[in-house]
C-alpha cells in the first residue's frame, strides 16, 4: 500500500480543542516501578514539556507569519503529539 500524505488546515482539526489527556494517579501508587515503566513515565514528562512549548509557539506572531503549509504541518504535529501523550497516559494508568 503506497504512503499517502495528508494535509490539514487548522479548521480541519477541531478535535485539537477537545483533546483532554486524563490525569493519572501513578505517582500516588505504592509500587516498585519496573525500568521500562519508569522510561514510559520519563517519556511522557518529556513529551508534555515539548507539547507545552509547541502550543505556546502556536499562539505567536512567528507562527502566524509562517506559510499555510508549514502551519498545517505544525498543527498536525501538535495533534499527533497529543494523541501520543494520551496513549502514554493510558499505559501509565495501567501500571
PDB file of N, CA and C in Angstrom:
ATOM      1  N   UNK A   1       0.852  -1.174   0.000  1.00  0.00           N
ATOM      2  CA  UNK A   1       0.000   0.000   0.000  1.00  0.00           C
ATOM      3  C   UNK A   1       0.896   1.234   0.000  1.00  0.00           C
ATOM      4  N   UNK A   2       0.729   2.138  -0.961  1.00  0.00           N
ATOM      5  CA  UNK A   2       1.580   3.330  -1.016  1.00  0.00           C
ATOM      6  C   UNK A   2       1.274   4.283   0.125  1.00  0.00           C
ATOM      7  N   UNK A   3       2.322   4.998   0.538  1.00  0.00           N
ATOM      8  CA  UNK A   3       2.133   6.010   1.581  1.00  0.00           C
ATOM      9  C   UNK A   3       1.339   7.167   1.000  1.00  0.00           C
ATOM     10  N   UNK A   4       0.462   7.695   1.802  1.00  0.00           N
ATOM     11  CA  UNK A   4      -0.361   8.812   1.371  1.00  0.00           C
ATOM     12  C   UNK A   4      -0.129   9.975   2.329  1.00  0.00           C
ATOM     13  N   UNK A   5       0.236  11.116   1.792  1.00  0.00           N
ATOM     14  CA  UNK A   5       0.445  12.298   2.609  1.00  0.00           C
ATOM     15  C   UNK A   5      -0.880  13.007   2.788  1.00  0.00           C
ATOM     16  N   UNK A   6      -1.190  13.325   4.017  1.00  0.00           N
ATOM     17  CA  UNK A   6      -2.437  14.008   4.334  1.00  0.00           C
ATOM     18  C   UNK A   6      -2.108  15.408   4.828  1.00  0.00           C
ATOM     19  N   UNK A   7      -2.721  16.387   4.213  1.00  0.00           N
ATOM     20  CA  UNK A   7      -2.532  17.769   4.631  1.00  0.00           C
ATOM     21  C   UNK A   7      -3.820  18.247   5.275  1.00  0.00           C
ATOM     22  N   UNK A   8      -3.672  19.015   6.324  1.00  0.00           N
ATOM     23  CA  UNK A   8      -4.857  19.512   7.015  1.00  0.00           C
ATOM     24  C   UNK A   8      -4.667  20.984   7.342  1.00  0.00           C
ATOM     25  N   UNK A   9      -5.769  21.665   7.386  1.00  0.00           N
ATOM     26  CA  UNK A   9      -5.779  23.059   7.813  1.00  0.00           C
ATOM     27  C   UNK A   9      -6.245  23.097   9.256  1.00  0.00           C
ATOM     28  N   UNK A  10      -5.963  24.168   9.952  1.00  0.00           N
ATOM     29  CA  UNK A  10      -6.385  24.301  11.347  1.00  0.00           C
ATOM     30  C   UNK A  10      -7.874  24.012  11.513  1.00  0.00           C
ATOM     31  N   UNK A  11      -8.681  24.547  10.598  1.00  0.00           N
ATOM     32  CA  UNK A  11     -10.124  24.360  10.745  1.00  0.00           C
ATOM     33  C   UNK A  11     -10.553  22.918  10.465  1.00  0.00           C
ATOM     34  N   UNK A  12      -9.671  22.129   9.855  1.00  0.00           N
ATOM     35  CA  UNK A  12      -9.972  20.719   9.614  1.00  0.00           C
ATOM     36  C   UNK A  12      -9.731  19.856  10.845  1.00  0.00           C
ATOM     37  N   UNK A  13      -9.133  20.431  11.864  1.00  0.00           N
ATOM     38  CA  UNK A  13      -8.782  19.663  13.054  1.00  0.00           C
ATOM     39  C   UNK A  13      -9.421  20.254  14.306  1.00  0.00           C
ATOM     40  N   UNK A  14     -10.739  20.360  14.358  1.00  0.00           N
ATOM     41  CA  UNK A  14     -11.376  20.953  15.541  1.00  0.00           C
ATOM     42  C   UNK A  14     -11.147  20.115  16.786  1.00  0.00           C
ATOM     43  N   UNK A  15     -10.775  18.846  16.598  1.00  0.00           N
ATOM     44  CA  UNK A  15     -10.556  17.982  17.748  1.00  0.00           C
ATOM     45  C   UNK A  15      -9.360  18.429  18.591  1.00  0.00           C
ATOM     46  N   UNK A  16      -8.524  19.296  18.050  1.00  0.00           N
ATOM     47  CA  UNK A  16      -7.393  19.801  18.842  1.00  0.00           C
ATOM     48  C   UNK A  16      -7.874  20.499  20.103  1.00  0.00           C
ATOM     49  N   UNK A  17      -8.991  21.168  20.002  1.00  0.00           N
ATOM     50  CA  UNK A  17      -9.504  21.907  21.147  1.00  0.00           C
ATOM     51  C   UNK A  17     -10.225  21.002  22.132  1.00  0.00           C
ATOM     52  N   UNK A  18     -10.538  19.784  21.710  1.00  0.00           N
ATOM     53  CA  UNK A  18     -11.334  18.892  22.538  1.00  0.00           C
ATOM     54  C   UNK A  18     -10.546  17.767  23.180  1.00  0.00           C
ATOM     55  N   UNK A  19      -9.274  17.638  22.839  1.00  0.00           N
ATOM     56  CA  UNK A  19      -8.485  16.547  23.404  1.00  0.00           C
ATOM     57  C   UNK A  19      -8.125  16.882  24.838  1.00  0.00           C
ATOM     58  N   UNK A  20      -8.437  15.978  25.705  1.00  0.00           N
ATOM     59  CA  UNK A  20      -8.062  16.132  27.098  1.00  0.00           C
ATOM     60  C   UNK A  20      -7.309  14.876  27.505  1.00  0.00           C
ATOM     61  N   UNK A  21      -6.111  15.074  27.961  1.00  0.00           N
ATOM     62  CA  UNK A  21      -5.315  13.945  28.412  1.00  0.00           C
ATOM     63  C   UNK A  21      -5.643  13.717  29.875  1.00  0.00           C
ATOM     64  N   UNK A  22      -6.154  12.538  30.206  1.00  0.00           N
ATOM     65  CA  UNK A  22      -6.578  12.300  31.583  1.00  0.00           C
ATOM     66  C   UNK A  22      -5.403  12.313  32.562  1.00  0.00           C
ATOM     67  N   UNK A  23      -5.665  12.854  33.715  1.00  0.00           N
ATOM     68  CA  UNK A  23      -4.657  12.836  34.769  1.00  0.00           C
ATOM     69  C   UNK A  23      -4.508  11.407  35.268  1.00  0.00           C
ATOM     70  N   UNK A  24      -3.310  11.071  35.636  1.00  0.00           N
ATOM     71  CA  UNK A  24      -3.074   9.719  36.142  1.00  0.00           C
ATOM     72  C   UNK A  24      -2.731   9.778  37.617  1.00  0.00           C
ATOM     73  N   UNK A  25      -2.871   8.659  38.254  1.00  0.00           N
ATOM     74  CA  UNK A  25      -2.564   8.567  39.682  1.00  0.00           C
ATOM     75  C   UNK A  25      -1.330   7.712  39.917  1.00  0.00           C
ATOM     76  N   UNK A  26      -0.509   7.549  38.899  1.00  0.00           N
ATOM     77  CA  UNK A  26       0.645   6.664  39.026  1.00  0.00           C
ATOM     78  C   UNK A  26       1.585   7.107  40.134  1.00  0.00           C
ATOM     79  N   UNK A  27       1.694   8.408  40.364  1.00  0.00           N
ATOM     80  CA  UNK A  27       2.625   8.875  41.390  1.00  0.00           C
ATOM     81  C   UNK A  27       2.120   8.561  42.794  1.00  0.00           C
ATOM     82  N   UNK A  28       0.811   8.292  42.919  1.00  0.00           N
ATOM     83  CA  UNK A  28       0.248   8.010  44.231  1.00  0.00           C
ATOM     84  C   UNK A  28       0.261   6.519  44.554  1.00  0.00           C
ATOM     85  N   UNK A  29       0.540   5.703  43.550  1.00  0.00           N
ATOM     86  CA  UNK A  29       0.539   4.266  43.790  1.00  0.00           C
ATOM     87  C   UNK A  29       1.794   3.863  44.550  1.00  0.00           C
ATOM     88  N   UNK A  30       1.586   2.950  45.457  1.00  0.00           N
ATOM     89  CA  UNK A  30       2.729   2.444  46.210  1.00  0.00           C
ATOM     90  C   UNK A  30       3.152   1.134  45.572  1.00  0.00           C
ATOM     91  N   UNK A  31       4.074   1.231  44.629  1.00  0.00           N
ATOM     92  CA  UNK A  31       4.571   0.041  43.968  1.00  0.00           C
ATOM     93  C   UNK A  31       5.981   0.317  43.468  1.00  0.00           C
ATOM     94  N   UNK A  32       6.656  -0.735  43.173  1.00  0.00           N
ATOM     95  CA  UNK A  32       8.010  -0.624  42.644  1.00  0.00           C
ATOM     96  C   UNK A  32       7.915  -0.570  41.123  1.00  0.00           C
ATOM     97  N   UNK A  33       8.389   0.503  40.542  1.00  0.00           N
ATOM     98  CA  UNK A  33       8.350   0.654  39.095  1.00  0.00           C
ATOM     99  C   UNK A  33       9.425  -0.218  38.451  1.00  0.00           C
ATOM    100  N   UNK A  34       9.033  -0.871  37.393  1.00  0.00           N
ATOM    101  CA  UNK A  34       9.988  -1.603  36.577  1.00  0.00           C
ATOM    102  C   UNK A  34      10.734  -0.588  35.709  1.00  0.00           C
ATOM    103  N   UNK A  35      11.936  -0.908  35.264  1.00  0.00           N
ATOM    104  CA  UNK A  35      12.694   0.057  34.452  1.00  0.00           C
ATOM    105  C   UNK A  35      11.924   0.528  33.210  1.00  0.00           C
ATOM    106  N   UNK A  36      11.238  -0.389  32.526  1.00  0.00           N
ATOM    107  CA  UNK A  36      10.501   0.026  31.326  1.00  0.00           C
ATOM    108  C   UNK A  36       9.333   0.944  31.683  1.00  0.00           C
ATOM    109  N   UNK A  37       8.750   0.763  32.860  1.00  0.00           N
ATOM    110  CA  UNK A  37       7.661   1.635  33.287  1.00  0.00           C
ATOM    111  C   UNK A  37       8.185   3.035  33.579  1.00  0.00           C
ATOM    112  N   UNK A  38       9.332   3.116  34.217  1.00  0.00           N
ATOM    113  CA  UNK A  38       9.935   4.413  34.503  1.00  0.00           C
ATOM    114  C   UNK A  38      10.287   5.144  33.212  1.00  0.00           C
ATOM    115  N   UNK A  39      10.729   4.387  32.207  1.00  0.00           N
ATOM    116  CA  UNK A  39      11.043   5.015  30.919  1.00  0.00           C
ATOM    117  C   UNK A  39       9.792   5.618  30.285  1.00  0.00           C
ATOM    118  N   UNK A  40       8.660   4.942  30.415  1.00  0.00           N
ATOM    119  CA  UNK A  40       7.404   5.473  29.870  1.00  0.00           C
ATOM    120  C   UNK A  40       7.027   6.758  30.608  1.00  0.00           C
ATOM    121  N   UNK A  41       7.173   6.767  31.915  1.00  0.00           N
ATOM    122  CA  UNK A  41       6.865   7.959  32.715  1.00  0.00           C
ATOM    123  C   UNK A  41       7.774   9.118  32.308  1.00  0.00           C
ATOM    124  N   UNK A  42       9.055   8.834  32.154  1.00  0.00           N
ATOM    125  CA  UNK A  42      10.004   9.872  31.745  1.00  0.00           C
ATOM    126  C   UNK A  42       9.683  10.385  30.335  1.00  0.00           C
ATOM    127  N   UNK A  43       9.336   9.460  29.458  1.00  0.00           N
ATOM    128  CA  UNK A  43       8.998   9.832  28.086  1.00  0.00           C
ATOM    129  C   UNK A  43       7.779  10.745  28.048  1.00  0.00           C
ATOM    130  N   UNK A  44       6.776  10.440  28.850  1.00  0.00           N
ATOM    131  CA  UNK A  44       5.576  11.278  28.900  1.00  0.00           C
ATOM    132  C   UNK A  44       5.907  12.668  29.440  1.00  0.00           C
ATOM    133  N   UNK A  45       6.751  12.732  30.453  1.00  0.00           N
ATOM    134  CA  UNK A  45       7.134  14.031  31.010  1.00  0.00           C
ATOM    135  C   UNK A  45       7.848  14.882  29.963  1.00  0.00           C
ATOM    136  N   UNK A  46       8.750  14.272  29.215  1.00  0.00           N
ATOM    137  CA  UNK A  46       9.470  14.990  28.163  1.00  0.00           C
ATOM    138  C   UNK A  46       8.513  15.428  27.051  1.00  0.00           C
ATOM    139  N   UNK A  47       7.622  14.536  26.669  1.00  0.00           N
ATOM    140  CA  UNK A  47       6.656  14.860  25.627  1.00  0.00           C
ATOM    141  C   UNK A  47       5.743  16.001  26.070  1.00  0.00           C
ATOM    142  N   UNK A  48       5.296  15.969  27.318  1.00  0.00           N
ATOM    143  CA  UNK A  48       4.423  17.022  27.833  1.00  0.00           C
ATOM    144  C   UNK A  48       5.122  18.381  27.779  1.00  0.00           C
ATOM    145  N   UNK A  49       6.400  18.399  28.091  1.00  0.00           N
ATOM    146  CA  UNK A  49       7.164  19.643  28.032  1.00  0.00           C
ATOM    147  C   UNK A  49       7.254  20.159  26.593  1.00  0.00           C
ATOM    148  N   UNK A  50       7.520  19.261  25.658  1.00  0.00           N
ATOM    149  CA  UNK A  50       7.590  19.651  24.248  1.00  0.00           C
ATOM    150  C   UNK A  50       6.227  20.140  23.738  1.00  0.00           C
ATOM    151  N   UNK A  51       5.184  19.475  24.195  1.00  0.00           N
ATOM    152  CA  UNK A  51       3.827  19.879  23.806  1.00  0.00           C
ATOM    153  C   UNK A  51       3.518  21.296  24.287  1.00  0.00           C
ATOM    154  N   UNK A  52       3.871  21.575  25.527  1.00  0.00           N
ATOM    155  CA  UNK A  52       3.649  22.913  26.074  1.00  0.00           C
ATOM    156  C   UNK A  52       4.355  23.964  25.221  1.00  0.00           C
ATOM    157  N   UNK A  53       5.584  23.669  24.819  1.00  0.00           N
ATOM    158  CA  UNK A  53       6.350  24.620  24.006  1.00  0.00           C
ATOM    159  C   UNK A  53       5.738  24.794  22.625  1.00  0.00           C
ATOM    160  N   UNK A  54       5.299  23.690  22.014  1.00  0.00           N
ATOM    161  CA  UNK A  54       4.690  23.789  20.689  1.00  0.00           C
ATOM    162  C   UNK A  54       3.359  24.534  20.757  1.00  0.00           C
ATOM    163  N   UNK A  55       2.575  24.281  21.795  1.00  0.00           N
ATOM    164  CA  UNK A  55       1.308  25.007  21.952  1.00  0.00           C
ATOM    165  C   UNK A  55       1.559  26.497  22.147  1.00  0.00           C
ATOM    166  N   UNK A  56       2.577  26.844  22.917  1.00  0.00           N
ATOM    167  CA  UNK A  56       2.908  28.253  23.127  1.00  0.00           C
ATOM    168  C   UNK A  56       3.344  28.892  21.804  1.00  0.00           C
ATOM    169  N   UNK A  57       4.144  28.176  21.033  1.00  0.00           N
ATOM    170  CA  UNK A  57       4.595  28.693  19.736  1.00  0.00           C
ATOM    171  C   UNK A  57       3.418  28.875  18.789  1.00  0.00           C
ATOM    172  N   UNK A  58       2.455  28.007  18.880  1.00  0.00           N
ATOM    173  CA  UNK A  58       1.284  28.043  18.008  1.00  0.00           C
ATOM    174  C   UNK A  58       0.524  29.362  18.159  1.00  0.00           C
ATOM    175  N   UNK A  59       0.702  30.051  19.263  1.00  0.00           N
ATOM    176  CA  UNK A  59      -0.013  31.303  19.536  1.00  0.00           C
ATOM    177  C   UNK A  59       0.873  32.534  19.389  1.00  0.00           C
ATOM    178  N   UNK A  60       1.933  32.431  18.597  1.00  0.00           N
ATOM    179  CA  UNK A  60       2.853  33.565  18.441  1.00  0.00           C
ATOM    180  C   UNK A  60       2.710  34.209  17.067  1.00  0.00           C
ATOM    181  N   UNK A  61       3.265  35.399  16.962  1.00  0.00           N
ATOM    182  CA  UNK A  61       3.283  36.109  15.679  1.00  0.00           C
ATOM    183  C   UNK A  61       4.178  35.376  14.678  1.00  0.00           C
ATOM    184  N   UNK A  62       5.218  34.736  15.159  1.00  0.00           N
ATOM    185  CA  UNK A  62       6.106  33.985  14.265  1.00  0.00           C
ATOM    186  C   UNK A  62       5.317  32.872  13.580  1.00  0.00           C
ATOM    187  N   UNK A  63       4.540  32.137  14.373  1.00  0.00           N
ATOM    188  CA  UNK A  63       3.705  31.077  13.801  1.00  0.00           C
ATOM    189  C   UNK A  63       2.730  31.665  12.777  1.00  0.00           C
ATOM    190  N   UNK A  64       2.088  32.763  13.131  1.00  0.00           N
ATOM    191  CA  UNK A  64       1.112  33.388  12.234  1.00  0.00           C
ATOM    192  C   UNK A  64       1.751  33.829  10.922  1.00  0.00           C
ATOM    193  N   UNK A  65       3.040  34.128  10.952  1.00  0.00           N
ATOM    194  CA  UNK A  65       3.736  34.567   9.752  1.00  0.00           C
ATOM    195  C   UNK A  65       4.268  33.443   8.887  1.00  0.00           C
ATOM    196  N   UNK A  66       4.131  32.209   9.328  1.00  0.00           N
ATOM    197  CA  UNK A  66       4.610  31.074   8.541  1.00  0.00           C
ATOM    198  C   UNK A  66       3.666  30.794   7.375  1.00  0.00           C
ATOM    199  N   UNK A  67       4.202  30.195   6.320  1.00  0.00           N
ATOM    200  CA  UNK A  67       3.324  29.800   5.211  1.00  0.00           C
ATOM    201  C   UNK A  67       2.250  28.822   5.697  1.00  0.00           C
ATOM    202  N   UNK A  68       1.118  28.835   5.033  1.00  0.00           N
ATOM    203  CA  UNK A  68      -0.011  27.988   5.434  1.00  0.00           C
ATOM    204  C   UNK A  68       0.370  26.509   5.482  1.00  0.00           C
ATOM    205  N   UNK A  69       1.184  26.054   4.559  1.00  0.00           N
ATOM    206  CA  UNK A  69       1.573  24.641   4.540  1.00  0.00           C
ATOM    207  C   UNK A  69       2.360  24.272   5.798  1.00  0.00           C
ATOM    208  N   UNK A  70       3.235  25.168   6.238  1.00  0.00           N
ATOM    209  CA  UNK A  70       4.017  24.895   7.458  1.00  0.00           C
ATOM    210  C   UNK A  70       3.125  24.950   8.691  1.00  0.00           C
ATOM    211  N   UNK A  71       2.190  25.893   8.723  1.00  0.00           N
ATOM    212  CA  UNK A  71       1.242  25.944   9.829  1.00  0.00           C
ATOM    213  C   UNK A  71       0.447  24.643   9.899  1.00  0.00           C
ATOM    214  N   UNK A  72       0.059  24.137   8.764  1.00  0.00           N
ATOM    215  CA  UNK A  72      -0.687  22.882   8.716  1.00  0.00           C
ATOM    216  C   UNK A  72       0.149  21.726   9.263  1.00  0.00           C
ATOM    217  N   UNK A  73       1.400  21.666   8.879  1.00  0.00           N
ATOM    218  CA  UNK A  73       2.285  20.592   9.385  1.00  0.00           C
ATOM    219  C   UNK A  73       2.445  20.695  10.899  1.00  0.00           C
ATOM    220  N   UNK A  74       2.630  21.897  11.409  1.00  0.00           N
ATOM    221  CA  UNK A  74       2.784  22.078  12.853  1.00  0.00           C
ATOM    222  C   UNK A  74       1.492  21.731  13.600  1.00  0.00           C
ATOM    223  N   UNK A  75       0.368  22.054  12.994  1.00  0.00           N
ATOM    224  CA  UNK A  75      -0.920  21.721  13.618  1.00  0.00           C
ATOM    225  C   UNK A  75      -1.104  20.210  13.665  1.00  0.00           C
ATOM    226  N   UNK A  76      -0.763  19.536  12.580  1.00  0.00           N
ATOM    227  CA  UNK A  76      -0.852  18.070  12.572  1.00  0.00           C
ATOM    228  C   UNK A  76       0.109  17.463  13.586  1.00  0.00           C
ATOM    229  N   UNK A  77       1.306  18.041  13.682  1.00  0.00           N
ATOM    230  CA  UNK A  77       2.290  17.562  14.656  1.00  0.00           C
ATOM    231  C   UNK A  77       1.732  17.696  16.073  1.00  0.00           C
ATOM    232  N   UNK A  78       1.130  18.835  16.366  1.00  0.00           N
ATOM    233  CA  UNK A  78       0.551  19.068  17.686  1.00  0.00           C
ATOM    234  C   UNK A  78      -0.536  18.040  17.993  1.00  0.00           C
ATOM    235  N   UNK A  79      -1.404  17.804  17.046  1.00  0.00           N
ATOM    236  CA  UNK A  79      -2.488  16.835  17.216  1.00  0.00           C
ATOM    237  C   UNK A  79      -1.941  15.430  17.487  1.00  0.00           C
ATOM    238  N   UNK A  80      -0.962  15.026  16.704  1.00  0.00           N
ATOM    239  CA  UNK A  80      -0.392  13.685  16.861  1.00  0.00           C
ATOM    240  C   UNK A  80       0.350  13.563  18.190  1.00  0.00           C
ATOM    241  N   UNK A  81       1.040  14.603  18.585  1.00  0.00           N
ATOM    242  CA  UNK A  81       1.733  14.572  19.876  1.00  0.00           C
ATOM    243  C   UNK A  81       0.743  14.432  21.025  1.00  0.00           C
ATOM    244  N   UNK A  82      -0.421  15.093  20.911  1.00  0.00           N
ATOM    245  CA  UNK A  82      -1.442  14.966  21.958  1.00  0.00           C
ATOM    246  C   UNK A  82      -1.990  13.546  22.016  1.00  0.00           C
ATOM    247  N   UNK A  83      -2.183  12.946  20.867  1.00  0.00           N
ATOM    248  CA  UNK A  83      -2.631  11.553  20.845  1.00  0.00           C
ATOM    249  C   UNK A  83      -1.588  10.641  21.483  1.00  0.00           C
ATOM    250  N   UNK A  84      -0.343  10.878  21.154  1.00  0.00           N
ATOM    251  CA  UNK A  84       0.763  10.106  21.714  1.00  0.00           C
ATOM    252  C   UNK A  84       0.809  10.263  23.234  1.00  0.00           C
ATOM    253  N   UNK A  85       0.634  11.492  23.702  1.00  0.00           N
ATOM    254  CA  UNK A  85       0.623  11.749  25.137  1.00  0.00           C
ATOM    255  C   UNK A  85      -0.528  10.998  25.810  1.00  0.00           C
ATOM    256  N   UNK A  86      -1.660  10.960  25.137  1.00  0.00           N
ATOM    257  CA  UNK A  86      -2.823  10.250  25.681  1.00  0.00           C
ATOM    258  C   UNK A  86      -2.538   8.750  25.797  1.00  0.00           C
ATOM    259  N   UNK A  87      -1.895   8.186  24.791  1.00  0.00           N
ATOM    260  CA  UNK A  87      -1.543   6.757  24.837  1.00  0.00           C
ATOM    261  C   UNK A  87      -0.582   6.484  25.994  1.00  0.00           C
ATOM    262  N   UNK A  88       0.418   7.344  26.153  1.00  0.00           N
ATOM    263  CA  UNK A  88       1.356   7.156  27.260  1.00  0.00           C
ATOM    264  C   UNK A  88       0.636   7.250  28.596  1.00  0.00           C
ATOM    265  N   UNK A  89      -0.317   8.178  28.727  1.00  0.00           N
ATOM    266  CA  UNK A  89      -1.091   8.299  29.966  1.00  0.00           C
ATOM    267  C   UNK A  89      -1.887   7.030  30.240  1.00  0.00           C
ATOM    268  N   UNK A  90      -2.473   6.477  29.204  1.00  0.00           N
ATOM    269  CA  UNK A  90      -3.220   5.233  29.354  1.00  0.00           C
ATOM    270  C   UNK A  90      -2.311   4.085  29.797  1.00  0.00           C
ATOM    271  N   UNK A  91      -1.128   4.031  29.215  1.00  0.00           N
ATOM    272  CA  UNK A  91      -0.178   2.982  29.598  1.00  0.00           C
ATOM    273  C   UNK A  91       0.225   3.133  31.063  1.00  0.00           C
ATOM    274  N   UNK A  92       0.476   4.366  31.469  1.00  0.00           N
ATOM    275  CA  UNK A  92       0.871   4.618  32.863  1.00  0.00           C
ATOM    276  C   UNK A  92      -0.262   4.246  33.810  1.00  0.00           C
ATOM    277  N   UNK A  93      -1.477   4.563  33.439  1.00  0.00           N
ATOM    278  CA  UNK A  93      -2.620   4.221  34.273  1.00  0.00           C
ATOM    279  C   UNK A  93      -2.768   2.712  34.456  1.00  0.00           C
ATOM    280  N   UNK A  94      -2.295   1.967  33.489  1.00  0.00           N
ATOM    281  CA  UNK A  94      -2.405   0.503  33.542  1.00  0.00           C
ATOM    282  C   UNK A  94      -1.297  -0.152  34.363  1.00  0.00           C
ATOM    283  N   UNK A  95      -0.312   0.621  34.786  1.00  0.00           N
ATOM    284  CA  UNK A  95       0.791   0.036  35.588  1.00  0.00           C
ATOM    285  C   UNK A  95       0.257  -0.479  36.913  1.00  0.00           C
TER     286      UNK A  95
END
